Amino acid sequence: MKRSLEEKGYEALSPFELKNKLIDLAGTDHERMMLNAGRGNPNWVAVNPRQGFFHLGLFAIEESQRNPHRPGLGGTPEKDGLSKRFENFIAAHSEKPGVPFLEEAFKYVCDTLKMDGDTFLLEMVDAILGDHYPTPDRMLTLTERIVHKYLEQEMFGEDSSIGKFDLFATEGGTAAMDYIFTSLLENKILHKGDKIALGTPIFTPYLEIPKLNDYELVELEVQQDENTGWQYPDTEIEKLADPAVKAFFLVNPANPASVSMHPDTLDQIDQLVRSRRKDLVILTDDVYGTFVNGFKSLAAAAPHNTILVYSFSKYFGATGWRLGVIGIHEDNIFDKHIAELPEADKEALHKRYSTVILDPDHMKVIDRMVADSRSVALNHTAGLSTPQQVLMALFSLHCLMDKKGTYKSMAQDIVTQRFKTLYGAVGIPHPENAYDAHYYTIIDIPTLAETRYGKAFADHLVKDYEPIDFVWQLAHKKSIVLMDGGGFDAPNMSVRVSLANLPDSAYDAIGKGISSLLEEYHHTWTAEGG
C-alpha cells in the first residue's frame, strides 16, 4: 500500500493552501528550477491602457497645480476649459507611448458614447488623483456607463435589448463573492439551511464558503460531464427545477475545466426560469468569458434572475489591481423578493438600512450590497478606490475601440499555444472544443493511465495511493507545482494546469514531467508484480 499519512492530512486543505506545501516540496532540490503552474495569475499585461493611465495621471497632476494651496500642495481640478487643456496636453506629448491611446479614447467617449468631454475628463482627472471618496459610492457615473458598454460587448453578445444592469465596482471578483453571499443572507433571499446548487467542478471557495457558520447552506452538485467536453447534461440542469433549490452558483467558463456553457444549456436555463423556476437565484462568475469567441453569459440568457460577477484581472493581467464588478439587472427578482417579505423581516431590514437612506424599504439590492460591504455603518466610506475605477474604464475603452479584436486574438493565442504544447509533451491529442477558454486544463491521471497502460494499472493508482499523491510526487520529484483537481470537485487524482502564468517553453517541461512521473508509477507497479 502506498497511502501516506502525511498526504492524507493535507487532503483536508483547500488546494490553494495545499499548493504552499507543494511549493516547499518543489523547492527542496536547488539543482532544479521550480515550475509553478498552480495559480492562474497571467504573465502578460495590457500595455496601452496602462501607458494611458500613467500619462493621464501626469495630466491630472498638472491640473491640480493650476491653483496650488502651497508649494507642493495642489488643488482640486476645475471643469471649465478642461477639454481644451487636455487637447493641448495631448499635442505636447503626442510622441509618447500611451498618449495616442488617450487621444483615441477621448474621441471615442465624445463621439461614440456621446458623453460631454469636460464632464468625462473631470470624472477621470479627479478620480485618478484620488482626492475624493467614490461618489456615487456604488460606481462613478460615467465609468459605470463605459464598463456597461464593455460588458454588453463581451458578456451579452452586443445585445443592448437585454436592458440596463446596475453595476457595483468591487475589489476584484473575490470581494464581489463575499459581498453577494453576505447580502443574500442579510436580505432574507437565502437562509441558513437552504439548498443551493453548485456547477461542479468549480473554483474551490464556492465549495467552501457555503459551509461556513456564517451561511450554513446545503450544497447540491450540478455536475459537468468530462466525457462531453465538460458540459452540463440536461438531467443535471433539471435538478434546478426542484423548488427546494434556492440558488444556482457557477463559474462560466468553468474553473478548473475552463469550458463555457453550451448555448443549448443557456436556453434550457432560460426556459426553466421563465416557466417553472421564476424564483431561482443565479450567480454567474464570468471572469474567463473573454477567452471564448462568441461567449454569452447567463446574465444575458436569464437577466432578471442572474447576478453577474466579472473581473478584469485575468484578461488584462491585472490581478494585483483588484478590479471587479457586480452587475444586477434594474428589473430583477431580488428586489421583488425583498418587497414581498413578511412584515417582521421588512421591519428588521428597514431598521438595518435606515441610517443609509430615507426610504430603506425601496433600496435596491445592489445598493444594499454596497452598504453591507462596509457593515452598513461605514457606508459613507464605501466604494472601490477611484484610481482603480479609472483603470477599469481605460481597460474597457481599450477593447471597445479594438473593432478588429486584435487584443482578444493575442490573449487567446497565448493560452491556446501553451495548451497545445502541454498536451503534445504529455503525448496525447489536445481536446478540440469550440467552447474551451484554454485558460486552465484538467488532465485526468487515472484516465491517462488507463489509456497508456491499461485498466488494471489505473485501478491500482486509485486504490493504493492517496488522491493527492500525484501532485505531491510531481512537486517532490519533478519540481512541478500543479493544483489537485479533486479540490475543485474534479475527478480524484486529476491535475489542474494553469496555462496563464509561465513562459511558453515551461509547458513542454510540465507535460513531459507528467508523462515521466506516470511512467515511474508504472515501473514501480510492474516491478512489484503488477
Protein backbone atom coordinates (compact mmCIF):
# COMPACT_ATOMS: atom_id res chain seq x y z
CA MET A 1 0.00 0.00 0.00
CA LYS A 2 1.33 3.43 -0.95
CA ARG A 3 -1.02 5.59 1.09
CA SER A 4 0.71 8.34 3.07
CA LEU A 5 -0.50 9.65 6.42
CA GLU A 6 1.18 13.00 5.75
CA GLU A 7 -0.58 13.33 2.39
CA LYS A 8 -3.90 12.32 3.95
CA GLY A 9 -3.56 15.13 6.48
CA TYR A 10 -3.13 17.70 3.71
CA GLU A 11 -6.19 16.49 1.78
CA ALA A 12 -8.46 18.46 4.14
CA LEU A 13 -6.90 21.74 2.98
CA SER A 14 -8.11 23.91 0.14
CA PRO A 15 -6.00 23.21 -2.99
CA PHE A 16 -4.80 26.81 -2.72
CA GLU A 17 -3.36 26.06 0.73
CA LEU A 18 -2.05 22.64 -0.32
CA LYS A 19 -0.19 24.49 -3.06
CA ASN A 20 2.04 26.10 -0.42
CA LYS A 21 3.20 22.66 0.76
CA LEU A 22 3.79 21.59 -2.84
CA ILE A 23 5.93 24.68 -3.40
CA ASP A 24 8.00 23.70 -0.36
CA LEU A 25 8.44 20.20 -1.78
CA ALA A 26 9.33 21.52 -5.21
CA GLY A 27 11.92 23.89 -3.80
CA THR A 28 13.93 21.34 -1.83
CA ASP A 29 16.19 20.43 -4.77
CA HIS A 30 18.05 23.58 -5.74
CA GLU A 31 19.56 21.94 -8.81
CA ARG A 32 16.14 22.06 -10.48
CA MET A 33 14.07 25.09 -11.36
CA MET A 34 10.57 25.00 -9.91
CA LEU A 35 7.70 25.31 -12.42
CA ASN A 36 4.61 26.58 -10.60
CA ALA A 37 1.54 26.26 -12.84
CA GLY A 38 -0.80 26.21 -9.86
CA ARG A 39 -2.26 29.70 -9.73
CA GLY A 40 -3.99 31.49 -12.57
CA ASN A 41 -2.09 34.78 -12.46
CA PRO A 42 -1.36 35.69 -16.11
CA ASN A 43 2.21 36.57 -17.07
CA TRP A 44 1.18 39.24 -19.57
CA VAL A 45 -0.04 42.81 -19.05
CA ALA A 46 -2.14 45.02 -21.31
CA VAL A 47 0.31 47.82 -22.11
CA ASN A 48 -1.60 50.56 -23.97
CA PRO A 49 -4.25 51.29 -21.33
CA ARG A 50 -1.60 51.28 -18.62
CA GLN A 51 0.53 53.76 -20.57
CA GLY A 52 -2.55 55.88 -21.00
CA PHE A 53 -3.32 55.61 -17.28
CA PHE A 54 0.06 56.96 -16.20
CA HIS A 55 0.01 59.83 -18.70
CA LEU A 56 -3.50 60.69 -17.59
CA GLY A 57 -2.07 60.84 -14.08
CA LEU A 58 0.55 63.34 -15.21
CA PHE A 59 -2.14 65.48 -16.81
CA ALA A 60 -4.15 65.31 -13.59
CA ILE A 61 -1.14 66.50 -11.59
CA GLU A 62 -0.76 69.46 -13.96
CA GLU A 63 -4.43 70.29 -13.41
CA SER A 64 -4.04 70.13 -9.64
CA GLN A 65 -1.17 72.63 -9.83
CA ARG A 66 -3.19 75.31 -11.62
CA ASN A 67 -4.43 76.55 -8.22
CA PRO A 68 -1.96 75.30 -5.62
CA HIS A 69 -2.53 75.85 -1.90
CA ARG A 70 1.17 75.87 -1.06
CA PRO A 71 4.35 74.78 -2.85
CA GLY A 72 3.90 71.05 -3.44
CA LEU A 73 0.20 71.12 -2.43
CA GLY A 74 -2.10 71.10 -5.44
CA GLY A 75 -5.80 71.91 -5.61
CA THR A 76 -8.81 70.06 -6.96
CA PRO A 77 -9.30 70.07 -10.74
CA GLU A 78 -11.64 72.54 -12.44
CA LYS A 79 -14.12 71.61 -15.16
CA ASP A 80 -14.13 74.85 -17.19
CA GLY A 81 -11.83 74.56 -20.19
CA LEU A 82 -10.71 71.06 -19.23
CA SER A 83 -11.16 69.58 -22.71
CA LYS A 84 -9.06 72.32 -24.31
CA ARG A 85 -6.27 71.91 -21.79
CA PHE A 86 -6.37 68.14 -22.34
CA GLU A 87 -6.08 68.59 -26.10
CA ASN A 88 -3.06 70.86 -25.53
CA PHE A 89 -1.51 68.19 -23.28
CA ILE A 90 -2.08 65.55 -25.96
CA ALA A 91 -0.48 67.75 -28.64
CA ALA A 92 2.54 68.46 -26.45
CA HIS A 93 3.15 64.78 -25.68
CA SER A 94 1.86 63.11 -28.85
CA GLU A 95 5.06 61.14 -29.41
CA LYS A 96 4.98 59.45 -26.02
CA PRO A 97 3.60 55.89 -25.62
CA GLY A 98 0.06 55.87 -24.32
CA VAL A 99 -0.81 59.42 -25.34
CA PRO A 100 -2.29 58.41 -28.74
CA PHE A 101 -4.40 55.88 -26.82
CA LEU A 102 -5.72 58.67 -24.58
CA GLU A 103 -6.49 60.81 -27.61
CA GLU A 104 -8.41 57.97 -29.28
CA ALA A 105 -10.23 57.11 -26.04
CA PHE A 106 -11.35 60.73 -25.54
CA LYS A 107 -12.63 60.88 -29.11
CA TYR A 108 -14.49 57.58 -28.67
CA VAL A 109 -16.12 58.74 -25.44
CA CYS A 110 -17.28 62.00 -27.00
CA ASP A 111 -18.26 60.81 -30.50
CA THR A 112 -19.46 57.23 -29.95
CA LEU A 113 -20.67 57.22 -26.36
CA LYS A 114 -21.95 60.81 -26.67
CA MET A 115 -20.51 61.96 -23.34
CA ASP A 116 -19.65 65.57 -22.63
CA GLY A 117 -15.87 65.91 -22.84
CA ASP A 118 -15.41 68.22 -19.86
CA THR A 119 -17.67 66.07 -17.66
CA PHE A 120 -15.82 62.89 -18.62
CA LEU A 121 -12.38 64.43 -18.05
CA LEU A 122 -13.39 65.90 -14.71
CA GLU A 123 -14.50 62.46 -13.52
CA MET A 124 -11.27 60.84 -14.76
CA VAL A 125 -8.89 63.53 -13.51
CA ASP A 126 -10.49 63.83 -10.09
CA ALA A 127 -10.66 60.04 -9.81
CA ILE A 128 -7.05 59.39 -10.76
CA LEU A 129 -5.93 61.97 -8.20
CA GLY A 130 -7.99 60.09 -5.64
CA ASP A 131 -8.84 63.26 -3.76
CA HIS A 132 -12.50 62.43 -3.05
CA TYR A 133 -14.43 59.46 -1.73
CA PRO A 134 -16.02 57.42 -4.54
CA THR A 135 -19.23 59.29 -5.48
CA PRO A 136 -21.61 57.64 -6.19
CA ASP A 137 -20.22 55.02 -3.86
CA ARG A 138 -21.51 52.13 -5.98
CA MET A 139 -19.57 53.29 -9.05
CA LEU A 140 -18.54 56.53 -10.72
CA THR A 141 -21.30 57.62 -13.09
CA LEU A 142 -19.56 57.74 -16.48
CA THR A 143 -17.23 54.88 -15.56
CA GLU A 144 -20.31 52.73 -14.99
CA ARG A 145 -21.62 53.59 -18.46
CA ILE A 146 -18.29 52.71 -20.07
CA VAL A 147 -17.95 49.41 -18.22
CA HIS A 148 -21.58 48.57 -19.01
CA LYS A 149 -20.84 49.07 -22.71
CA TYR A 150 -17.82 46.76 -22.36
CA LEU A 151 -19.95 44.09 -20.66
CA GLU A 152 -22.53 44.38 -23.43
CA GLN A 153 -19.78 43.65 -25.94
CA GLU A 154 -18.01 40.85 -24.09
CA MET A 155 -20.72 39.21 -21.93
CA PHE A 156 -24.03 39.94 -23.69
CA GLY A 157 -23.12 39.34 -27.34
CA GLU A 158 -23.56 43.08 -28.05
CA ASP A 159 -27.28 42.72 -27.40
CA SER A 160 -28.36 46.04 -25.89
CA SER A 161 -32.01 44.89 -25.83
CA ILE A 162 -31.25 42.88 -22.68
CA GLY A 163 -31.52 46.17 -20.81
CA LYS A 164 -29.58 48.01 -18.17
CA PHE A 165 -27.61 46.40 -15.37
CA ASP A 166 -26.72 48.39 -12.26
CA LEU A 167 -23.01 47.93 -11.58
CA PHE A 168 -21.05 47.89 -8.33
CA ALA A 169 -17.26 48.22 -8.69
CA THR A 170 -15.50 45.89 -6.24
CA GLU A 171 -12.01 44.92 -5.10
CA GLY A 172 -11.80 42.07 -7.60
CA GLY A 173 -14.10 39.11 -8.15
CA THR A 174 -13.33 37.62 -4.74
CA ALA A 175 -14.67 40.69 -2.92
CA ALA A 176 -17.74 40.51 -5.14
CA MET A 177 -18.34 36.92 -3.98
CA ASP A 178 -18.04 37.95 -0.35
CA TYR A 179 -20.46 40.87 -0.71
CA ILE A 180 -23.00 38.78 -2.60
CA PHE A 181 -23.05 35.91 -0.12
CA THR A 182 -23.43 38.37 2.76
CA SER A 183 -26.24 40.40 1.21
CA LEU A 184 -28.25 37.41 0.00
CA LEU A 185 -28.49 36.18 3.57
CA GLU A 186 -28.84 39.56 5.25
CA ASN A 187 -31.78 40.38 2.97
CA LYS A 188 -33.55 37.06 3.51
CA ILE A 189 -33.16 35.99 -0.12
CA LEU A 190 -31.27 32.96 1.19
CA HIS A 191 -31.45 31.50 4.70
CA LYS A 192 -29.21 29.21 6.70
CA GLY A 193 -30.10 25.63 5.80
CA ASP A 194 -31.24 26.50 2.27
CA LYS A 195 -30.17 24.20 -0.53
CA ILE A 196 -28.03 25.75 -3.26
CA ALA A 197 -26.78 24.14 -6.45
CA LEU A 198 -23.14 24.45 -7.48
CA GLY A 199 -21.96 23.85 -11.04
CA THR A 200 -19.04 21.48 -10.46
CA PRO A 201 -16.10 21.22 -10.84
CA ILE A 202 -15.87 24.78 -9.52
CA PHE A 203 -13.47 27.34 -8.02
CA THR A 204 -12.89 25.97 -4.53
CA PRO A 205 -14.17 28.94 -2.46
CA TYR A 206 -17.65 28.33 -3.90
CA LEU A 207 -17.45 24.89 -2.29
CA GLU A 208 -16.05 26.21 0.98
CA ILE A 209 -17.92 29.46 1.68
CA PRO A 210 -21.46 27.99 1.91
CA LYS A 211 -20.29 25.59 4.64
CA LEU A 212 -19.05 28.37 6.93
CA ASN A 213 -21.12 29.04 10.03
CA ASP A 214 -21.92 32.48 8.59
CA TYR A 215 -24.07 30.78 5.93
CA GLU A 216 -24.59 27.03 6.63
CA LEU A 217 -26.01 26.39 3.17
CA VAL A 218 -26.64 22.87 1.89
CA GLU A 219 -24.82 22.10 -1.36
CA LEU A 220 -26.18 20.16 -4.33
CA GLU A 221 -23.80 19.46 -7.20
CA VAL A 222 -24.86 20.08 -10.78
CA GLN A 223 -22.06 18.23 -12.49
CA GLN A 224 -20.35 18.89 -15.78
CA ASP A 225 -19.59 15.73 -17.75
CA GLU A 226 -15.94 15.19 -18.61
CA ASN A 227 -16.95 12.84 -21.43
CA THR A 228 -18.94 15.53 -23.25
CA GLY A 229 -16.29 18.22 -23.07
CA TRP A 230 -17.22 19.43 -19.59
CA GLN A 231 -20.80 20.35 -20.49
CA TYR A 232 -23.87 20.07 -18.24
CA PRO A 233 -26.15 17.17 -19.18
CA ASP A 234 -29.84 18.04 -19.42
CA THR A 235 -30.51 15.74 -16.47
CA GLU A 236 -28.17 17.77 -14.28
CA ILE A 237 -29.79 21.09 -15.24
CA GLU A 238 -33.16 19.52 -14.48
CA LYS A 239 -32.08 19.37 -10.81
CA LEU A 240 -32.67 23.13 -10.75
CA ALA A 241 -36.41 22.54 -11.31
CA ASP A 242 -36.70 21.38 -7.69
CA PRO A 243 -38.21 24.33 -5.75
CA ALA A 244 -36.10 23.29 -2.75
CA VAL A 245 -33.04 24.50 -4.70
CA LYS A 246 -32.98 28.22 -3.96
CA ALA A 247 -29.93 29.24 -5.98
CA PHE A 248 -27.51 28.10 -8.65
CA PHE A 249 -23.90 29.30 -8.44
CA LEU A 250 -21.46 28.65 -11.27
CA VAL A 251 -18.25 29.80 -12.92
CA ASN A 252 -18.62 30.17 -16.69
CA PRO A 253 -16.29 29.35 -18.42
CA ALA A 254 -15.63 26.91 -15.62
CA ASN A 255 -12.69 26.86 -13.27
CA PRO A 256 -10.94 24.41 -13.45
CA ALA A 257 -12.45 22.87 -16.61
CA SER A 258 -12.15 26.20 -18.49
CA VAL A 259 -15.07 25.43 -20.81
CA SER A 260 -18.08 27.70 -21.33
CA MET A 261 -21.68 26.62 -21.20
CA HIS A 262 -23.23 25.41 -24.46
CA PRO A 263 -25.88 27.74 -25.95
CA ASP A 264 -28.46 24.95 -25.68
CA THR A 265 -27.88 24.82 -21.92
CA LEU A 266 -28.27 28.59 -21.68
CA ASP A 267 -31.61 28.22 -23.47
CA GLN A 268 -32.64 25.37 -21.16
CA ILE A 269 -32.00 27.50 -18.08
CA ASP A 270 -33.75 30.48 -19.70
CA GLN A 271 -36.85 28.36 -20.30
CA LEU A 272 -36.67 26.96 -16.78
CA VAL A 273 -36.70 30.38 -15.10
CA ARG A 274 -39.44 31.63 -17.44
CA SER A 275 -41.73 28.73 -16.60
CA ARG A 276 -41.13 26.54 -13.55
CA ARG A 277 -38.45 28.45 -11.57
CA LYS A 278 -39.19 32.14 -11.80
CA ASP A 279 -37.78 32.47 -8.28
CA LEU A 280 -34.39 30.80 -8.93
CA VAL A 281 -31.38 32.89 -7.87
CA ILE A 282 -28.43 32.57 -10.25
CA LEU A 283 -24.88 33.76 -9.64
CA THR A 284 -22.51 33.53 -12.60
CA ASP A 285 -18.79 34.30 -12.31
CA ASP A 286 -17.67 35.06 -15.88
CA VAL A 287 -14.06 36.18 -15.48
CA TYR A 288 -12.83 33.87 -18.27
CA GLY A 289 -15.58 34.69 -20.78
CA THR A 290 -13.37 36.89 -22.94
CA PHE A 291 -11.19 33.88 -23.80
CA VAL A 292 -14.07 32.23 -25.71
CA ASN A 293 -15.22 33.69 -29.02
CA GLY A 294 -18.93 34.43 -29.12
CA PHE A 295 -19.27 34.00 -25.37
CA LYS A 296 -22.70 34.68 -23.87
CA SER A 297 -23.30 34.96 -20.16
CA LEU A 298 -26.21 33.52 -18.22
CA ALA A 299 -26.80 37.14 -17.26
CA ALA A 300 -27.79 37.68 -20.90
CA ALA A 301 -29.86 34.48 -21.13
CA ALA A 302 -31.73 34.93 -17.83
CA PRO A 303 -31.07 38.59 -16.94
CA HIS A 304 -33.78 39.10 -14.34
CA ASN A 305 -32.66 36.15 -12.19
CA THR A 306 -28.90 36.46 -12.51
CA ILE A 307 -26.18 38.25 -10.57
CA LEU A 308 -23.14 38.76 -12.80
CA VAL A 309 -19.61 38.82 -11.43
CA TYR A 310 -16.82 39.94 -13.75
CA SER A 311 -13.17 40.62 -13.03
CA PHE A 312 -10.63 42.43 -15.22
CA SER A 313 -7.77 40.55 -13.55
CA LYS A 314 -7.13 37.67 -15.95
CA TYR A 315 -7.76 39.19 -19.37
CA PHE A 316 -5.69 42.30 -18.74
CA GLY A 317 -3.02 40.82 -16.46
CA ALA A 318 -4.25 42.89 -13.52
CA THR A 319 -4.69 40.55 -10.56
CA GLY A 320 -2.79 42.98 -8.32
CA TRP A 321 -5.12 45.85 -9.20
CA ARG A 322 -8.20 44.10 -7.76
CA LEU A 323 -10.72 45.23 -10.38
CA GLY A 324 -14.11 43.55 -10.30
CA VAL A 325 -17.74 44.39 -10.84
CA ILE A 326 -21.13 43.04 -9.78
CA GLY A 327 -23.99 43.51 -12.23
CA ILE A 328 -27.70 43.17 -11.42
CA HIS A 329 -30.46 43.99 -13.91
CA GLU A 330 -32.53 47.01 -12.87
CA ASP A 331 -35.64 44.78 -13.19
CA ASN A 332 -34.74 41.76 -11.07
CA ILE A 333 -36.31 39.10 -8.86
CA PHE A 334 -34.20 40.09 -5.83
CA ASP A 335 -35.83 43.47 -5.30
CA LYS A 336 -39.23 41.87 -5.81
CA HIS A 337 -38.42 39.15 -3.29
CA ILE A 338 -37.48 41.74 -0.66
CA ALA A 339 -40.69 43.68 -1.31
CA GLU A 340 -42.73 40.51 -0.65
CA LEU A 341 -41.03 39.50 2.60
CA PRO A 342 -43.09 39.03 5.79
CA GLU A 343 -43.66 42.25 7.74
CA ALA A 344 -41.28 41.23 10.53
CA ASP A 345 -38.43 40.76 8.04
CA LYS A 346 -39.25 44.05 6.32
CA GLU A 347 -39.14 45.86 9.64
CA ALA A 348 -35.76 44.34 10.50
CA LEU A 349 -34.33 45.36 7.12
CA HIS A 350 -35.88 48.82 7.41
CA LYS A 351 -34.01 49.26 10.68
CA ARG A 352 -30.77 47.84 9.24
CA TYR A 353 -30.58 50.33 6.36
CA SER A 354 -32.43 53.30 7.92
CA THR A 355 -29.19 55.20 8.59
CA VAL A 356 -28.17 54.97 4.94
CA ILE A 357 -31.27 56.11 3.04
CA LEU A 358 -34.53 57.89 3.86
CA ASP A 359 -36.65 55.20 2.19
CA PRO A 360 -34.87 51.92 3.02
CA ASP A 361 -37.92 49.84 2.02
CA HIS A 362 -37.28 50.71 -1.64
CA MET A 363 -33.49 50.42 -1.52
CA LYS A 364 -32.21 48.28 -4.41
CA VAL A 365 -30.47 45.05 -3.51
CA ILE A 366 -27.28 46.19 -5.26
CA ASP A 367 -27.21 49.33 -3.10
CA ARG A 368 -27.74 47.10 -0.07
CA MET A 369 -24.64 45.20 -1.16
CA VAL A 370 -22.69 48.46 -1.16
CA ALA A 371 -23.82 49.18 2.39
CA ASP A 372 -23.21 45.60 3.53
CA SER A 373 -19.68 45.77 2.11
CA ARG A 374 -18.91 48.30 4.87
CA SER A 375 -21.09 46.78 7.61
CA VAL A 376 -23.74 49.44 6.84
CA ALA A 377 -22.43 51.86 9.48
CA LEU A 378 -19.42 52.67 7.28
CA ASN A 379 -21.45 53.05 4.10
CA HIS A 380 -20.20 56.63 3.73
CA THR A 381 -16.73 55.24 3.00
CA ALA A 382 -17.89 52.50 0.63
CA GLY A 383 -16.78 52.04 -2.95
CA LEU A 384 -13.77 50.97 -4.94
CA SER A 385 -10.90 53.44 -4.91
CA THR A 386 -11.29 55.96 -7.70
CA PRO A 387 -7.87 55.40 -9.38
CA GLN A 388 -8.81 51.72 -9.69
CA GLN A 389 -12.04 52.71 -11.38
CA VAL A 390 -10.13 54.85 -13.88
CA LEU A 391 -8.02 51.90 -14.96
CA MET A 392 -11.19 49.79 -15.22
CA ALA A 393 -12.64 52.40 -17.59
CA LEU A 394 -9.44 52.51 -19.66
CA PHE A 395 -9.31 48.71 -19.94
CA SER A 396 -12.92 48.77 -21.13
CA LEU A 397 -12.25 51.51 -23.67
CA HIS A 398 -9.19 49.61 -24.92
CA CYS A 399 -11.42 46.73 -26.04
CA LEU A 400 -14.38 48.84 -27.13
CA MET A 401 -12.11 50.68 -29.57
CA ASP A 402 -10.48 47.46 -30.80
CA LYS A 403 -13.01 46.68 -33.52
CA LYS A 404 -10.75 44.08 -35.17
CA GLY A 405 -10.37 42.17 -31.91
CA THR A 406 -6.57 42.31 -32.06
CA TYR A 407 -6.10 42.23 -28.30
CA LYS A 408 -8.56 39.37 -27.86
CA SER A 409 -6.78 37.32 -30.54
CA MET A 410 -3.40 37.85 -28.91
CA ALA A 411 -4.59 36.97 -25.39
CA GLN A 412 -6.38 33.87 -26.64
CA ASP A 413 -3.39 32.81 -28.73
CA ILE A 414 -1.06 32.86 -25.72
CA VAL A 415 -3.06 30.31 -23.74
CA THR A 416 -4.07 28.23 -26.77
CA GLN A 417 -0.47 27.68 -27.87
CA ARG A 418 0.53 26.68 -24.33
CA PHE A 419 -2.45 24.30 -24.23
CA LYS A 420 -1.26 22.56 -27.40
CA THR A 421 2.34 22.46 -26.20
CA LEU A 422 1.32 20.84 -22.92
CA TYR A 423 -0.72 18.06 -24.49
CA GLY A 424 1.91 17.43 -27.13
CA ALA A 425 4.52 16.97 -24.39
CA VAL A 426 2.25 14.62 -22.41
CA GLY A 427 1.93 12.64 -25.62
CA ILE A 428 -1.83 12.76 -26.14
CA PRO A 429 -4.04 14.72 -28.56
CA HIS A 430 -5.26 18.02 -27.17
CA PRO A 431 -9.04 18.26 -26.76
CA GLU A 432 -10.86 20.08 -29.56
CA ASN A 433 -13.67 22.18 -28.12
CA ALA A 434 -15.06 25.43 -29.53
CA TYR A 435 -16.17 26.44 -26.02
CA ASP A 436 -12.76 25.96 -24.39
CA ALA A 437 -11.15 29.10 -22.94
CA HIS A 438 -7.78 27.26 -22.64
CA TYR A 439 -7.01 29.24 -19.51
CA TYR A 440 -6.76 26.06 -17.44
CA THR A 441 -6.97 22.44 -18.33
CA ILE A 442 -7.68 19.29 -16.35
CA ILE A 443 -5.69 16.14 -17.03
CA ASP A 444 -7.36 13.08 -15.53
CA ILE A 445 -4.38 10.98 -14.45
CA PRO A 446 -6.27 7.66 -13.95
CA THR A 447 -7.83 8.06 -17.40
CA LEU A 448 -4.41 8.80 -18.88
CA ALA A 449 -3.03 5.78 -17.04
CA GLU A 450 -5.74 3.52 -18.42
CA THR A 451 -5.22 4.78 -21.96
CA ARG A 452 -1.46 4.25 -21.76
CA TYR A 453 -1.05 1.19 -19.54
CA GLY A 454 -4.45 -0.45 -19.10
CA LYS A 455 -7.32 -0.51 -16.64
CA ALA A 456 -5.61 -2.68 -14.04
CA PHE A 457 -2.87 -0.11 -13.56
CA ALA A 458 -5.35 2.76 -13.43
CA ASP A 459 -7.36 0.93 -10.77
CA HIS A 460 -4.14 0.38 -8.80
CA LEU A 461 -3.39 4.13 -8.78
CA VAL A 462 -6.83 4.98 -7.44
CA LYS A 463 -6.93 2.14 -4.91
CA ASP A 464 -3.41 2.22 -3.50
CA TYR A 465 -2.46 5.92 -3.46
CA GLU A 466 -3.87 8.99 -1.79
CA PRO A 467 -5.76 11.22 -4.25
CA ILE A 468 -3.15 13.99 -3.93
CA ASP A 469 -0.17 11.66 -4.31
CA PHE A 470 0.38 12.52 -7.98
CA VAL A 471 0.63 16.30 -7.39
CA TRP A 472 2.70 15.58 -4.27
CA GLN A 473 5.24 13.46 -6.14
CA LEU A 474 5.20 15.81 -9.11
CA ALA A 475 6.34 18.61 -6.80
CA HIS A 476 8.81 16.46 -4.85
CA LYS A 477 10.43 14.64 -7.76
CA LYS A 478 9.97 17.00 -10.72
CA SER A 479 9.70 20.45 -9.04
CA ILE A 480 6.40 20.98 -10.84
CA VAL A 481 3.54 22.50 -8.86
CA LEU A 482 0.01 21.85 -10.12
CA MET A 483 -3.37 22.06 -8.40
CA ASP A 484 -5.15 18.93 -7.22
CA GLY A 485 -8.27 18.62 -9.36
CA GLY A 486 -10.16 16.84 -6.62
CA GLY A 487 -10.08 20.03 -4.55
CA PHE A 488 -12.34 21.59 -7.19
CA ASP A 489 -14.61 18.50 -7.24
CA ALA A 490 -12.96 17.39 -10.46
CA PRO A 491 -12.05 13.67 -10.70
CA ASN A 492 -9.74 12.39 -7.96
CA MET A 493 -6.06 12.34 -8.89
CA SER A 494 -6.69 14.75 -11.76
CA VAL A 495 -4.46 17.80 -12.06
CA ARG A 496 -5.37 21.38 -12.95
CA VAL A 497 -2.76 23.19 -15.01
CA SER A 498 -2.84 26.97 -15.33
CA LEU A 499 -1.86 27.93 -18.87
CA ALA A 500 -1.52 31.59 -17.98
CA ASN A 501 1.38 32.15 -15.65
CA LEU A 502 4.55 30.54 -17.06
CA PRO A 503 6.71 31.04 -20.16
CA ASP A 504 5.58 29.09 -23.21
CA SER A 505 8.53 26.70 -23.00
CA ALA A 506 7.61 25.65 -19.45
CA TYR A 507 4.54 23.77 -20.68
CA ASP A 508 6.71 21.37 -22.64
CA ALA A 509 8.61 20.58 -19.43
CA ILE A 510 5.38 20.23 -17.44
CA GLY A 511 3.86 17.86 -19.98
CA LYS A 512 7.00 15.74 -20.08
CA GLY A 513 7.14 15.76 -16.26
CA ILE A 514 3.56 14.44 -16.04
CA SER A 515 4.30 11.71 -18.57
CA SER A 516 7.61 10.77 -16.93
CA LEU A 517 6.12 10.55 -13.43
CA LEU A 518 3.28 8.34 -14.65
CA GLU A 519 5.89 6.08 -16.24
CA GLU A 520 7.68 5.88 -12.87
CA TYR A 521 4.46 4.81 -11.13
CA HIS A 522 4.01 2.14 -13.79
CA HIS A 523 7.59 0.93 -13.46
CA THR A 524 7.15 0.55 -9.69
CA TRP A 525 3.90 -1.35 -10.21
CA THR A 526 5.40 -3.79 -12.71
CA ALA A 527 8.49 -4.28 -10.54
CA GLU A 528 6.19 -5.30 -7.69
CA GLY A 529 4.42 -7.83 -9.89
CA GLY A 530 1.55 -5.69 -11.12
